[in-house]
């Protein structure tokens, strides 16, 4: 299907693929590398009861980094600096979830573990639970959108190098 226009209240809007963002946020606590995840509530359109890293859609007048920061805060109450987010990848495969074009960002900060997270959710029943999940226990959780594979890849491709450069001896990974 090609992009197409619709008219609503005298304005023309073009319908096309949506732009999404996903935030993979990591911290370290008690010898374990942790990733921030939330359990999808009954108010989500799909994958209810599955876990995912905070994600959502780009709003008008915001950058993808700003959208990622907003989604993380809306779903988990964690505030992240948009300048600290590192672009991991862009998923633009038309066979991917709903043909979304998704910008995947990651960040690591020792201090994130000290912040209070909770199942906030911007939409009713969007988020059922929020946890810092030990990366070594990812296989014990059912993730939406194959995000467990993305988490593991980010750890292998990016985070281990970051750890090596920043006192790897503090980590047990």
Protein backbone atom coordinates (compact mmCIF):
# COMPACT_ATOMS: atom_id res chain seq x y z
CA UNK A 1 0.00 0.00 0.00
CA UNK A 2 1.35 3.42 -0.87
CA UNK A 3 0.99 6.56 1.21
CA UNK A 4 -2.41 8.12 0.75
CA UNK A 5 -4.21 11.27 1.86
CA UNK A 6 -7.35 11.55 3.94
CA UNK A 7 -9.32 14.71 4.59
CA UNK A 8 -10.57 15.54 8.07
CA UNK A 9 -12.15 18.82 9.16
CA UNK A 10 -10.85 20.62 6.09
CA UNK A 11 -7.25 19.41 6.50
CA UNK A 12 -5.37 16.84 4.44
CA UNK A 13 -3.38 14.18 6.33
CA UNK A 14 -1.10 11.65 4.71
CA UNK A 15 -1.24 8.09 5.99
CA UNK A 16 2.09 6.29 5.96
CA UNK A 17 4.29 4.06 8.06
CA UNK A 18 4.61 5.08 11.72
CA UNK A 19 7.86 6.03 13.46
CA UNK A 20 8.50 4.28 16.75
CA UNK A 21 11.18 4.46 19.41
CA UNK A 22 12.49 1.92 21.89
CA UNK A 23 14.71 2.65 24.91
CA UNK A 24 17.05 -0.02 26.26
CA UNK A 25 18.19 1.32 29.62
CA UNK A 26 20.86 -0.49 31.63
CA UNK A 27 22.29 -0.15 35.13
CA UNK A 28 24.36 -2.23 37.48
CA UNK A 29 23.48 -3.44 40.97
CA UNK A 30 24.92 -6.07 43.33
CA UNK A 31 27.20 -7.56 40.69
CA UNK A 32 24.49 -7.83 38.04
CA UNK A 33 23.84 -5.99 34.81
CA UNK A 34 20.16 -4.96 34.72
CA UNK A 35 17.83 -3.79 31.96
CA UNK A 36 14.68 -1.72 32.51
CA UNK A 37 11.49 -3.43 31.30
CA UNK A 38 7.78 -3.15 31.74
CA UNK A 39 5.01 -5.71 31.51
CA UNK A 40 2.40 -4.78 28.93
CA UNK A 41 -1.05 -4.26 30.43
CA UNK A 42 -4.50 -5.16 29.15
CA UNK A 43 -4.84 -1.68 27.62
CA UNK A 44 -2.16 -2.38 24.99
CA UNK A 45 -3.23 -3.42 21.48
CA UNK A 46 -1.10 -6.59 21.44
CA UNK A 47 1.30 -8.73 23.46
CA UNK A 48 -0.61 -8.21 26.74
CA UNK A 49 1.29 -9.79 29.62
CA UNK A 50 4.58 -9.79 27.74
CA UNK A 51 7.60 -7.77 28.81
CA UNK A 52 9.24 -5.06 26.73
CA UNK A 53 11.63 -2.19 27.07
CA UNK A 54 9.87 1.18 27.04
CA UNK A 55 8.69 1.97 23.54
CA UNK A 56 6.12 3.96 21.65
CA UNK A 57 5.53 6.41 18.84
CA UNK A 58 7.03 9.69 17.75
CA UNK A 59 4.74 12.66 18.37
CA UNK A 60 4.60 15.79 16.26
CA UNK A 61 7.26 18.38 17.06
CA UNK A 62 9.67 16.05 18.85
CA UNK A 63 12.90 14.31 17.92
CA UNK A 64 13.26 10.55 18.19
CA UNK A 65 15.48 11.03 21.26
CA UNK A 66 12.85 13.24 22.89
CA UNK A 67 10.17 10.64 22.08
CA UNK A 68 12.31 7.91 23.63
CA UNK A 69 12.85 9.95 26.81
CA UNK A 70 9.10 10.68 26.98
CA UNK A 71 8.14 7.01 26.52
CA UNK A 72 10.60 5.88 29.20
CA UNK A 73 9.21 8.45 31.65
CA UNK A 74 5.58 7.72 30.75
CA UNK A 75 5.94 3.98 31.22
CA UNK A 76 8.43 3.71 34.10
CA UNK A 77 8.82 7.12 35.77
CA UNK A 78 12.57 7.13 34.99
CA UNK A 79 13.93 10.40 33.62
CA UNK A 80 16.74 10.02 31.09
CA UNK A 81 18.79 12.79 29.48
CA UNK A 82 18.17 12.71 25.70
CA UNK A 83 21.84 13.53 25.11
CA UNK A 84 22.90 10.34 26.93
CA UNK A 85 20.94 8.07 24.58
CA UNK A 86 23.06 6.25 22.02
CA UNK A 87 21.49 5.16 18.74
CA UNK A 88 21.81 1.41 18.39
CA UNK A 89 19.90 0.72 15.19
CA UNK A 90 16.94 1.63 13.03
CA UNK A 91 14.47 -1.12 12.15
CA UNK A 92 12.85 -0.32 8.81
CA UNK A 93 12.02 -3.77 7.44
CA UNK A 94 8.44 -3.66 6.07
CA UNK A 95 7.87 -7.18 7.43
CA UNK A 96 8.63 -5.99 10.98
CA UNK A 97 5.95 -5.14 13.55
CA UNK A 98 3.15 -3.19 11.83
CA UNK A 99 5.71 -1.84 9.33
CA UNK A 100 6.91 0.61 11.97
CA UNK A 101 10.23 2.33 11.46
CA UNK A 102 11.75 2.04 14.93
CA UNK A 103 14.73 3.93 16.33
CA UNK A 104 16.41 1.85 19.04
CA UNK A 105 18.43 3.72 21.65
CA UNK A 106 20.40 2.49 24.65
CA UNK A 107 21.94 4.06 27.72
CA UNK A 108 23.88 2.86 30.73
CA UNK A 109 24.19 4.71 34.01
CA UNK A 110 25.23 3.44 37.46
CA UNK A 111 22.83 5.90 39.10
CA UNK A 112 19.61 4.75 37.40
CA UNK A 113 19.15 1.97 39.97
CA UNK A 114 18.67 4.57 42.71
CA UNK A 115 15.60 6.11 41.04
CA UNK A 116 12.06 5.01 41.86
CA UNK A 117 10.42 3.20 38.97
CA UNK A 118 6.82 2.11 38.84
CA UNK A 119 4.10 1.07 36.41
CA UNK A 120 3.07 4.54 35.40
CA UNK A 121 1.69 4.30 31.86
CA UNK A 122 0.40 7.24 29.84
CA UNK A 123 -2.64 5.28 28.63
CA UNK A 124 -5.11 3.42 30.86
CA UNK A 125 -3.88 -0.09 31.68
CA UNK A 126 -0.83 0.34 29.44
CA UNK A 127 1.72 -0.91 31.98
CA UNK A 128 1.08 -3.71 34.46
CA UNK A 129 4.51 -3.87 36.14
CA UNK A 130 8.04 -2.45 35.87
CA UNK A 131 11.28 -4.18 36.86
CA UNK A 132 15.02 -4.00 36.56
CA UNK A 133 15.60 -7.44 35.03
CA UNK A 134 19.02 -9.11 35.36
CA UNK A 135 20.33 -9.62 31.82
CA UNK A 136 21.40 -13.13 32.78
CA UNK A 137 17.72 -13.96 33.52
CA UNK A 138 16.20 -12.67 30.25
CA UNK A 139 15.24 -16.17 29.15
CA UNK A 140 12.91 -16.43 32.18
CA UNK A 141 10.73 -13.62 30.77
CA UNK A 142 8.50 -13.59 27.72
CA UNK A 143 9.35 -10.48 25.68
CA UNK A 144 7.31 -8.75 23.00
CA UNK A 145 8.82 -7.75 19.66
CA UNK A 146 11.81 -10.14 20.10
CA UNK A 147 13.34 -7.51 22.37
CA UNK A 148 15.31 -10.07 24.37
CA UNK A 149 17.41 -10.65 21.23
CA UNK A 150 17.98 -6.90 20.87
CA UNK A 151 18.97 -6.61 24.55
CA UNK A 152 21.52 -9.42 24.21
CA UNK A 153 22.90 -7.93 21.00
CA UNK A 154 23.27 -4.47 22.57
CA UNK A 155 25.11 -6.00 25.51
CA UNK A 156 27.45 -7.96 23.19
CA UNK A 157 28.03 -5.26 20.58
CA UNK A 158 28.03 -2.08 22.63
CA UNK A 159 27.83 -2.45 26.36
CA UNK A 160 30.73 -4.86 26.90
CA UNK A 161 33.03 -2.45 25.06
CA UNK A 162 31.69 0.39 27.20
CA UNK A 163 32.32 -1.67 30.33
CA UNK A 164 35.86 -2.51 29.17
CA UNK A 165 36.59 1.18 28.76
CA UNK A 166 34.99 2.10 32.09
CA UNK A 167 36.31 -0.19 34.81
CA UNK A 168 35.18 -3.62 33.66
CA UNK A 169 36.55 -5.02 36.92
CA UNK A 170 33.45 -3.60 38.63
CA UNK A 171 31.25 -5.92 36.59
CA UNK A 172 30.56 -9.61 36.74
CA UNK A 173 29.48 -10.20 33.12
